[in-house]
Amino acid sequence: MKALSKLKAEEGIWMTDVPEPEVGHNDLLIKIRKTAICGTDVHIYNWDDWSQKTIPVPMVVGHEYVGEVVGIGQEVKGFKIGDRVSGEGHITCGHCRNCRGGRTHLCRNTTGVGRQPSRLLRGISGHPGVQCV
């Protein structure tokens, strides 16, 4: 499948071929229907100071999307095949003190979809079910 990827530590984003993800036991597999480019993607494309300090290369970029559930991990509840969903752009650990206390916005282990290695702008994505609506 096709994906937009940051392949090199220089200006640019490239269209690449990548394998389709498998659905993990806590994940939804989402067929991406619409996606958007935001300021973060522009920073990544331009390879500015922030990107150089923050972005691991290579990686697939993107984190703004809506899609359709095409696969459901065995531990995921509340979704069915065909549901329209969007996912939170920040993936929290679910295990630290803040996450266990319901303060996921304070998770010190947060990773950002499309800022750390992800699968979003490639047409299909595995995303933690608890972080989809």
C-alpha atoms as a PDB file:
ATOM      1  CA  MET A   1       0.000   0.000   0.000  1.00  0.00           C
ATOM      2  CA  LYS A   2       1.063   3.629  -0.459  1.00  0.00           C
ATOM      3  CA  ALA A   3       2.173   5.892   2.395  1.00  0.00           C
ATOM      4  CA  LEU A   4       3.601   9.362   2.893  1.00  0.00           C
ATOM      5  CA  SER A   5       6.929   8.867   4.614  1.00  0.00           C
ATOM      6  CA  LYS A   6       9.770  10.936   5.984  1.00  0.00           C
ATOM      7  CA  LEU A   7      12.703   8.914   4.683  1.00  0.00           C
ATOM      8  CA  LYS A   8      15.667  11.244   5.077  1.00  0.00           C
ATOM      9  CA  ALA A   9      16.858  13.925   7.473  1.00  0.00           C
ATOM     10  CA  GLU A  10      16.267  16.656   4.898  1.00  0.00           C
ATOM     11  CA  GLU A  11      13.415  18.686   3.404  1.00  0.00           C
ATOM     12  CA  GLY A  12      10.667  16.607   1.806  1.00  0.00           C
ATOM     13  CA  ILE A  13       8.137  13.812   2.238  1.00  0.00           C
ATOM     14  CA  TRP A  14       8.057  10.814  -0.085  1.00  0.00           C
ATOM     15  CA  MET A  15       5.371   8.439  -1.377  1.00  0.00           C
ATOM     16  CA  THR A  16       6.433   4.910  -0.465  1.00  0.00           C
ATOM     17  CA  ASP A  17       5.160   1.333  -0.591  1.00  0.00           C
ATOM     18  CA  VAL A  18       4.704  -0.209   2.861  1.00  0.00           C
ATOM     19  CA  PRO A  19       3.148  -3.458   4.126  1.00  0.00           C
ATOM     20  CA  GLU A  20      -0.397  -3.437   5.478  1.00  0.00           C
ATOM     21  CA  PRO A  21      -0.503  -3.645   9.282  1.00  0.00           C
ATOM     22  CA  GLU A  22      -1.949  -6.565  11.181  1.00  0.00           C
ATOM     23  CA  VAL A  23      -4.527  -5.846  13.865  1.00  0.00           C
ATOM     24  CA  GLY A  24      -3.124  -6.152  17.394  1.00  0.00           C
ATOM     25  CA  HIS A  25      -5.207  -7.576  20.241  1.00  0.00           C
ATOM     26  CA  ASN A  26      -5.964  -4.052  21.596  1.00  0.00           C
ATOM     27  CA  ASP A  27      -6.225  -2.338  18.204  1.00  0.00           C
ATOM     28  CA  LEU A  28      -8.749  -1.368  15.618  1.00  0.00           C
ATOM     29  CA  LEU A  29      -7.644  -1.759  12.024  1.00  0.00           C
ATOM     30  CA  ILE A  30      -8.929   1.348  10.269  1.00  0.00           C
ATOM     31  CA  LYS A  31      -9.333   1.947   6.532  1.00  0.00           C
ATOM     32  CA  ILE A  32      -8.482   5.633   6.209  1.00  0.00           C
ATOM     33  CA  ARG A  33     -11.186   7.496   4.257  1.00  0.00           C
ATOM     34  CA  LYS A  34     -10.143  11.126   4.754  1.00  0.00           C
ATOM     35  CA  THR A  35      -7.010  12.666   6.168  1.00  0.00           C
ATOM     36  CA  ALA A  36      -5.677  16.179   6.593  1.00  0.00           C
ATOM     37  CA  ILE A  37      -2.309  17.840   6.706  1.00  0.00           C
ATOM     38  CA  CYS A  38      -1.669  20.041   9.728  1.00  0.00           C
ATOM     39  CA  GLY A  39       1.120  22.288  10.958  1.00  0.00           C
ATOM     40  CA  THR A  40       3.069  19.353  12.379  1.00  0.00           C
ATOM     41  CA  ASP A  41       3.261  17.790   8.913  1.00  0.00           C
ATOM     42  CA  VAL A  42       4.511  21.083   7.465  1.00  0.00           C
ATOM     43  CA  HIS A  43       7.282  21.181  10.099  1.00  0.00           C
ATOM     44  CA  ILE A  44       8.208  17.592   9.227  1.00  0.00           C
ATOM     45  CA  TYR A  45       8.238  18.381   5.492  1.00  0.00           C
ATOM     46  CA  ASN A  46      10.398  21.501   5.996  1.00  0.00           C
ATOM     47  CA  TRP A  47      12.748  19.656   8.364  1.00  0.00           C
ATOM     48  CA  ASP A  48      13.035  22.669  10.662  1.00  0.00           C
ATOM     49  CA  ASP A  49      14.806  22.823  14.043  1.00  0.00           C
ATOM     50  CA  TRP A  50      11.811  21.328  15.908  1.00  0.00           C
ATOM     51  CA  SER A  51      11.576  18.382  13.491  1.00  0.00           C
ATOM     52  CA  GLN A  52      15.284  17.694  13.635  1.00  0.00           C
ATOM     53  CA  LYS A  53      15.079  17.387  17.438  1.00  0.00           C
ATOM     54  CA  THR A  54      11.777  15.464  17.556  1.00  0.00           C
ATOM     55  CA  ILE A  55      11.208  13.269  14.507  1.00  0.00           C
ATOM     56  CA  PRO A  56      12.825   9.837  14.083  1.00  0.00           C
ATOM     57  CA  VAL A  57      13.665   9.006  10.486  1.00  0.00           C
ATOM     58  CA  PRO A  58      12.418   6.958   8.683  1.00  0.00           C
ATOM     59  CA  MET A  59       8.721   7.088   9.628  1.00  0.00           C
ATOM     60  CA  VAL A  60       5.228   7.309   8.141  1.00  0.00           C
ATOM     61  CA  VAL A  61       3.683  10.720   8.859  1.00  0.00           C
ATOM     62  CA  GLY A  62       0.149  11.839   9.674  1.00  0.00           C
ATOM     63  CA  HIS A  63      -2.324  11.916  12.551  1.00  0.00           C
ATOM     64  CA  GLU A  64      -5.508  13.719  11.397  1.00  0.00           C
ATOM     65  CA  TYR A  65      -8.018  11.247   9.976  1.00  0.00           C
ATOM     66  CA  VAL A  66     -11.409   9.616   9.810  1.00  0.00           C
ATOM     67  CA  GLY A  67     -11.921   6.070   8.653  1.00  0.00           C
ATOM     68  CA  GLU A  68     -13.864   2.835   8.815  1.00  0.00           C
ATOM     69  CA  VAL A  69     -13.226  -0.134  11.103  1.00  0.00           C
ATOM     70  CA  VAL A  70     -12.113  -3.136   9.018  1.00  0.00           C
ATOM     71  CA  GLY A  71     -10.583  -5.245  11.791  1.00  0.00           C
ATOM     72  CA  ILE A  72     -11.056  -5.553  15.549  1.00  0.00           C
ATOM     73  CA  GLY A  73      -8.550  -6.904  18.073  1.00  0.00           C
ATOM     74  CA  GLN A  74      -9.821  -9.559  20.475  1.00  0.00           C
ATOM     75  CA  GLU A  75      -9.597  -7.247  23.524  1.00  0.00           C
ATOM     76  CA  VAL A  76     -11.423  -4.263  21.928  1.00  0.00           C
ATOM     77  CA  LYS A  77     -15.016  -3.611  23.008  1.00  0.00           C
ATOM     78  CA  GLY A  78     -17.684  -1.225  21.728  1.00  0.00           C
ATOM     79  CA  PHE A  79     -16.880  -1.218  18.007  1.00  0.00           C
ATOM     80  CA  LYS A  80     -18.067  -3.220  15.010  1.00  0.00           C
ATOM     81  CA  ILE A  81     -16.856  -3.664  11.439  1.00  0.00           C
ATOM     82  CA  GLY A  82     -18.027  -0.694   9.370  1.00  0.00           C
ATOM     83  CA  ASP A  83     -18.092   1.849  12.234  1.00  0.00           C
ATOM     84  CA  ARG A  84     -16.800   5.300  11.291  1.00  0.00           C
ATOM     85  CA  VAL A  85     -14.046   6.358  13.671  1.00  0.00           C
ATOM     86  CA  SER A  86     -11.334   8.863  14.383  1.00  0.00           C
ATOM     87  CA  GLY A  87      -8.444   8.251  16.759  1.00  0.00           C
ATOM     88  CA  GLU A  88      -6.752  10.352  19.391  1.00  0.00           C
ATOM     89  CA  GLY A  89      -3.470  11.748  18.103  1.00  0.00           C
ATOM     90  CA  HIS A  90      -1.652  10.899  21.335  1.00  0.00           C
ATOM     91  CA  ILE A  91      -1.153   7.311  22.464  1.00  0.00           C
ATOM     92  CA  THR A  92      -0.842   6.960  26.234  1.00  0.00           C
ATOM     93  CA  CYS A  93       0.652   3.987  28.070  1.00  0.00           C
ATOM     94  CA  GLY A  94      -2.381   3.057  30.200  1.00  0.00           C
ATOM     95  CA  HIS A  95      -0.103   1.787  32.991  1.00  0.00           C
ATOM     96  CA  CYS A  96       1.548   4.774  34.680  1.00  0.00           C
ATOM     97  CA  ARG A  97       0.122   6.411  37.812  1.00  0.00           C
ATOM     98  CA  ASN A  98      -1.556   9.191  35.827  1.00  0.00           C
ATOM     99  CA  CYS A  99      -3.175   6.809  33.333  1.00  0.00           C
ATOM    100  CA  ARG A 100      -4.426   4.481  36.082  1.00  0.00           C
ATOM    101  CA  GLY A 101      -5.828   7.532  37.897  1.00  0.00           C
ATOM    102  CA  GLY A 102      -7.820   8.671  34.844  1.00  0.00           C
ATOM    103  CA  ARG A 103      -5.419  11.520  34.044  1.00  0.00           C
ATOM    104  CA  THR A 104      -4.215  10.219  30.680  1.00  0.00           C
ATOM    105  CA  HIS A 105      -3.575  13.798  29.525  1.00  0.00           C
ATOM    106  CA  LEU A 106      -0.666  13.799  32.015  1.00  0.00           C
ATOM    107  CA  CYS A 107       0.887  10.493  30.882  1.00  0.00           C
ATOM    108  CA  ARG A 108       4.667  10.851  30.824  1.00  0.00           C
ATOM    109  CA  ASN A 109       4.955   8.021  28.301  1.00  0.00           C
ATOM    110  CA  THR A 110       2.781   9.616  25.616  1.00  0.00           C
ATOM    111  CA  THR A 111       3.752   9.104  21.991  1.00  0.00           C
ATOM    112  CA  GLY A 112       2.314  11.111  19.138  1.00  0.00           C
ATOM    113  CA  VAL A 113       0.727   9.468  16.108  1.00  0.00           C
ATOM    114  CA  GLY A 114       2.534  10.797  13.040  1.00  0.00           C
ATOM    115  CA  ARG A 115       5.379  12.189  15.136  1.00  0.00           C
ATOM    116  CA  GLN A 116       6.783   8.880  16.238  1.00  0.00           C
ATOM    117  CA  PRO A 117       6.687   5.826  13.996  1.00  0.00           C
ATOM    118  CA  SER A 118       3.091   5.242  12.911  1.00  0.00           C
ATOM    119  CA  ARG A 119       1.014   3.907  10.047  1.00  0.00           C
ATOM    120  CA  LEU A 120      -1.550   6.609   9.464  1.00  0.00           C
ATOM    121  CA  LEU A 121      -1.021   8.170   6.044  1.00  0.00           C
ATOM    122  CA  ARG A 122      -0.803   4.821   4.342  1.00  0.00           C
ATOM    123  CA  GLY A 123      -4.463   4.072   3.816  1.00  0.00           C
ATOM    124  CA  ILE A 124      -4.931   1.691   6.713  1.00  0.00           C
ATOM    125  CA  SER A 125      -3.891   2.017  10.336  1.00  0.00           C
ATOM    126  CA  GLY A 126      -3.697  -0.018  13.505  1.00  0.00           C
ATOM    127  CA  HIS A 127      -4.801   2.219  16.377  1.00  0.00           C
ATOM    128  CA  PRO A 128      -5.511   1.393  20.048  1.00  0.00           C
ATOM    129  CA  GLY A 129      -9.253   0.824  20.358  1.00  0.00           C
ATOM    130  CA  VAL A 130      -9.493   2.667  23.668  1.00  0.00           C
ATOM    131  CA  GLN A 131      -8.314   5.807  21.914  1.00  0.00           C
ATOM    132  CA  CYS A 132     -10.849   5.810  19.086  1.00  0.00           C
ATOM    133  CA  VAL A 133     -14.290   7.394  18.945  1.00  0.00           C
END
